[in-house]
Amino acid sequence: MPNYLKHYEQLCSSRKLLHRTKKDDVYYEEHHIIPKSLGGSNDTDNLILFTAREHFIAHLLLYNHYKTLGGESFRKMSFALVSMASTNKNLKRHVLNSRQYALIKEAAQNSRLGHKITDTSNYKKPKSDSHKEAIRQARLQAPGRSDATREKMKQTRIKLGLTWTGNHTKTICPHCLKSGQTNAMKRWHFNNCKEVNNAKLA
């Protein structure tokens, strides 16, 4: 069975001897030799500069090492590997093979073991009348987009080949004289106009 920890230590020690700096004309990523999630510090002795490929390999070695040990450390290294693979844009230079892809998918599953995913958002929770009013006032007072911002958005969508849907036409409700964008008024207002509903009840 491969000694993943030994390979990891050899990788770190050999690259440490190169005395790399971020001023070099090469892209480097900072790596904690003892991972922060496992108690590692931000001291210089615990930091090393890797290329994007070396950084990815280092996390693969850590994942495989802690896989044999299990426990919370394994879960943390699983999460670290998945986070790195999903957020590091520079990894596109290092194409994953099928085995590495399978490892990352496995790590994603292992990183969730023993953890309940709870919805911490406030969106679906019941709101008091004062809370609803505060939200309404905040939306009413929110500044609209400037003409310069709208033009910039328009040009960006044109460059991307997307249909520009800005500058919506406005329409006025014949019952209550409220004005708004035509699509929104048709979808939300006309059938729910208070004046119409009051007339039906009368």
Protein backbone atom coordinates (compact mmCIF):
# COMPACT_ATOMS: atom_id res chain seq x y z
CA MET A 1 0.00 0.00 0.00
CA PRO A 2 1.43 3.43 -0.96
CA ASN A 3 2.72 5.59 1.87
CA TYR A 4 0.78 8.74 1.00
CA LEU A 5 2.05 10.71 3.99
CA LYS A 6 5.67 10.01 3.01
CA HIS A 7 5.03 11.19 -0.56
CA TYR A 8 3.32 14.30 0.80
CA GLU A 9 6.22 15.13 3.11
CA GLN A 10 8.71 14.60 0.28
CA LEU A 11 6.71 16.92 -1.97
CA CYS A 12 6.60 19.64 0.69
CA SER A 13 10.28 19.37 1.67
CA SER A 14 11.54 19.37 -1.93
CA ARG A 15 9.49 22.43 -2.87
CA LYS A 16 10.46 24.21 0.35
CA LEU A 17 14.11 23.99 -0.71
CA LEU A 18 13.34 25.92 -3.90
CA HIS A 19 12.69 29.12 -1.88
CA ARG A 20 9.89 30.20 -4.17
CA THR A 21 8.36 33.66 -3.97
CA LYS A 22 5.21 35.11 -5.45
CA LYS A 23 7.35 37.71 -7.20
CA ASP A 24 8.59 35.01 -9.56
CA ASP A 25 7.03 35.06 -13.01
CA VAL A 26 5.10 31.88 -12.22
CA TYR A 27 1.64 31.35 -10.75
CA TYR A 28 1.91 29.91 -7.21
CA GLU A 29 -0.64 29.03 -4.55
CA GLU A 30 -0.03 29.17 -0.81
CA HIS A 31 -0.47 25.91 1.06
CA HIS A 32 -0.43 25.06 4.77
CA ILE A 33 1.85 22.05 5.31
CA ILE A 34 -0.14 21.16 8.42
CA PRO A 35 -3.66 22.08 7.30
CA LYS A 36 -5.33 24.92 9.22
CA SER A 37 -8.38 22.74 9.80
CA LEU A 38 -6.10 20.29 11.63
CA GLY A 39 -4.46 22.90 13.83
CA GLY A 40 -1.83 24.29 11.46
CA SER A 41 -0.68 27.88 11.90
CA ASN A 42 0.01 30.76 9.53
CA ASP A 43 3.69 30.77 10.51
CA THR A 44 6.22 30.96 7.68
CA ASP A 45 7.57 27.50 8.55
CA ASN A 46 4.12 26.02 7.91
CA LEU A 47 3.59 27.76 4.56
CA ILE A 48 4.81 26.69 1.16
CA LEU A 49 4.23 27.80 -2.43
CA PHE A 50 2.96 25.22 -4.90
CA THR A 51 2.05 25.40 -8.55
CA ALA A 52 -1.66 24.76 -9.16
CA ARG A 53 -0.93 21.15 -10.17
CA GLU A 54 1.33 20.51 -7.17
CA HIS A 55 -1.29 22.00 -4.84
CA PHE A 56 -3.94 19.67 -6.20
CA ILE A 57 -1.64 16.64 -5.90
CA ALA A 58 -0.81 17.62 -2.30
CA HIS A 59 -4.50 17.59 -1.37
CA LEU A 60 -4.99 14.27 -3.13
CA LEU A 61 -2.16 12.79 -1.05
CA LEU A 62 -3.64 14.20 2.17
CA TYR A 63 -7.06 12.84 1.28
CA ASN A 64 -5.72 9.35 0.59
CA HIS A 65 -3.64 9.35 3.78
CA TYR A 66 -6.52 10.34 6.07
CA LYS A 67 -8.86 8.00 4.25
CA THR A 68 -7.04 5.12 5.93
CA LEU A 69 -7.47 6.79 9.34
CA GLY A 70 -11.07 7.96 9.04
CA GLY A 71 -12.73 10.20 11.60
CA GLU A 72 -13.15 13.97 11.64
CA SER A 73 -9.73 14.60 10.07
CA PHE A 74 -10.77 12.54 7.05
CA ARG A 75 -14.00 14.51 6.71
CA LYS A 76 -12.06 17.79 6.81
CA MET A 77 -9.57 16.65 4.18
CA SER A 78 -12.47 15.45 2.04
CA PHE A 79 -14.04 18.88 2.25
CA ALA A 80 -10.70 20.58 1.47
CA LEU A 81 -10.21 18.51 -1.67
CA VAL A 82 -13.73 19.13 -2.92
CA SER A 83 -13.55 22.86 -2.18
CA MET A 84 -10.25 23.19 -3.99
CA ALA A 85 -11.40 21.29 -7.05
CA SER A 86 -14.63 23.29 -7.33
CA THR A 87 -13.30 26.80 -6.68
CA ASN A 88 -9.77 26.86 -8.08
CA LYS A 89 -9.98 28.20 -11.63
CA ASN A 90 -6.30 27.46 -12.24
CA LEU A 91 -6.91 23.72 -12.01
CA LYS A 92 -8.19 23.84 -15.57
CA ARG A 93 -4.54 23.51 -16.57
CA HIS A 94 -4.48 20.12 -14.84
CA VAL A 95 -7.07 17.91 -16.53
CA LEU A 96 -8.55 15.31 -14.19
CA ASN A 97 -8.45 11.70 -15.18
CA SER A 98 -11.33 9.36 -14.40
CA ARG A 99 -9.74 8.06 -11.20
CA GLN A 100 -9.15 11.56 -9.80
CA TYR A 101 -12.69 12.57 -10.76
CA ALA A 102 -14.07 9.54 -8.92
CA LEU A 103 -11.97 10.42 -5.86
CA ILE A 104 -13.35 13.95 -5.78
CA LYS A 105 -16.92 12.69 -6.04
CA GLU A 106 -16.20 10.23 -3.24
CA ALA A 107 -14.66 13.03 -1.17
CA ALA A 108 -17.76 15.15 -1.68
CA GLN A 109 -19.89 12.39 -0.19
CA ASN A 110 -17.47 11.77 2.69
CA SER A 111 -17.28 15.49 3.54
CA ARG A 112 -20.99 15.42 4.39
CA LEU A 113 -20.88 12.38 6.65
CA GLY A 114 -22.13 13.11 10.14
CA HIS A 115 -23.24 16.63 9.26
CA LYS A 116 -26.83 17.75 9.07
CA ILE A 117 -27.50 20.36 6.42
CA THR A 118 -29.72 22.97 8.02
CA ASP A 119 -31.47 25.79 6.26
CA THR A 120 -30.19 28.94 7.94
CA SER A 121 -32.01 31.30 5.62
CA ASN A 122 -34.80 33.51 6.90
CA TYR A 123 -36.82 33.31 3.71
CA LYS A 124 -39.39 30.66 4.65
CA LYS A 125 -39.80 31.60 8.31
CA PRO A 126 -43.06 33.31 9.37
CA LYS A 127 -42.70 37.09 9.57
CA SER A 128 -44.50 39.55 11.78
CA ASP A 129 -46.41 42.49 10.31
CA SER A 130 -43.68 44.89 11.43
CA HIS A 131 -41.04 42.70 9.75
CA LYS A 132 -43.04 42.63 6.52
CA GLU A 133 -43.45 46.40 6.61
CA ALA A 134 -39.71 46.86 7.17
CA ILE A 135 -38.98 44.70 4.14
CA ARG A 136 -41.50 46.66 2.05
CA GLN A 137 -40.01 50.01 3.04
CA ALA A 138 -36.49 48.78 2.33
CA ARG A 139 -37.52 47.73 -1.16
CA LEU A 140 -39.32 51.02 -1.81
CA GLN A 141 -36.26 53.02 -0.77
CA ALA A 142 -33.75 50.87 -2.65
CA PRO A 143 -32.02 52.93 -5.35
CA GLY A 144 -32.74 51.97 -8.94
CA ARG A 145 -30.06 51.31 -11.54
CA SER A 146 -28.57 54.37 -13.18
CA ASP A 147 -28.74 54.89 -16.95
CA ALA A 148 -25.00 54.20 -17.17
CA THR A 149 -25.43 50.87 -15.35
CA ARG A 150 -28.37 49.88 -17.56
CA GLU A 151 -26.37 50.69 -20.69
CA LYS A 152 -23.41 48.66 -19.42
CA MET A 153 -25.70 45.68 -18.71
CA LYS A 154 -27.22 46.03 -22.16
CA GLN A 155 -23.84 46.03 -23.92
CA THR A 156 -22.67 43.01 -21.90
CA ARG A 157 -25.75 40.99 -22.86
CA ILE A 158 -25.32 41.98 -26.51
CA LYS A 159 -21.68 40.80 -26.42
CA LEU A 160 -22.80 37.48 -24.94
CA GLY A 161 -25.42 37.10 -27.63
CA LEU A 162 -28.29 37.37 -25.16
CA THR A 163 -31.55 39.15 -25.86
CA TRP A 164 -31.75 42.54 -24.19
CA THR A 165 -34.92 42.74 -22.14
CA GLY A 166 -34.28 46.10 -20.49
CA ASN A 167 -36.30 49.28 -20.99
CA HIS A 168 -39.60 47.44 -20.53
CA THR A 169 -42.69 49.22 -21.74
CA LYS A 170 -44.96 50.53 -19.00
CA THR A 171 -48.68 50.25 -18.73
CA ILE A 172 -51.35 51.80 -16.50
CA CYS A 173 -54.11 49.92 -14.76
CA PRO A 174 -57.45 51.40 -15.93
CA HIS A 175 -59.04 50.63 -12.57
CA CYS A 176 -56.64 52.09 -10.01
CA LEU A 177 -54.30 54.06 -12.34
CA LYS A 178 -51.25 52.30 -10.95
CA SER A 179 -48.37 52.11 -13.47
CA GLY A 180 -45.74 49.44 -13.89
CA GLN A 181 -43.86 47.29 -16.37
CA THR A 182 -46.30 45.61 -18.74
CA ASN A 183 -45.21 42.00 -18.11
CA ALA A 184 -45.28 42.43 -14.34
CA MET A 185 -48.65 44.18 -14.38
CA LYS A 186 -50.17 41.42 -16.50
CA ARG A 187 -48.75 38.70 -14.29
CA TRP A 188 -49.35 40.14 -10.85
CA HIS A 189 -51.65 43.15 -10.84
CA PHE A 190 -54.58 43.14 -13.26
CA ASN A 191 -56.33 40.05 -11.88
CA ASN A 192 -55.56 41.12 -8.30
CA CYS A 193 -56.36 44.83 -8.53
CA LYS A 194 -58.06 45.95 -5.29
CA GLU A 195 -60.43 48.22 -7.17
CA VAL A 196 -61.70 45.29 -9.28
CA ASN A 197 -62.03 43.01 -6.26
CA ASN A 198 -63.86 45.72 -4.27
CA ALA A 199 -66.26 46.24 -7.18
CA LYS A 200 -67.04 42.53 -7.27
CA LEU A 201 -67.80 42.51 -3.56
CA ALA A 202 -70.07 45.55 -3.78
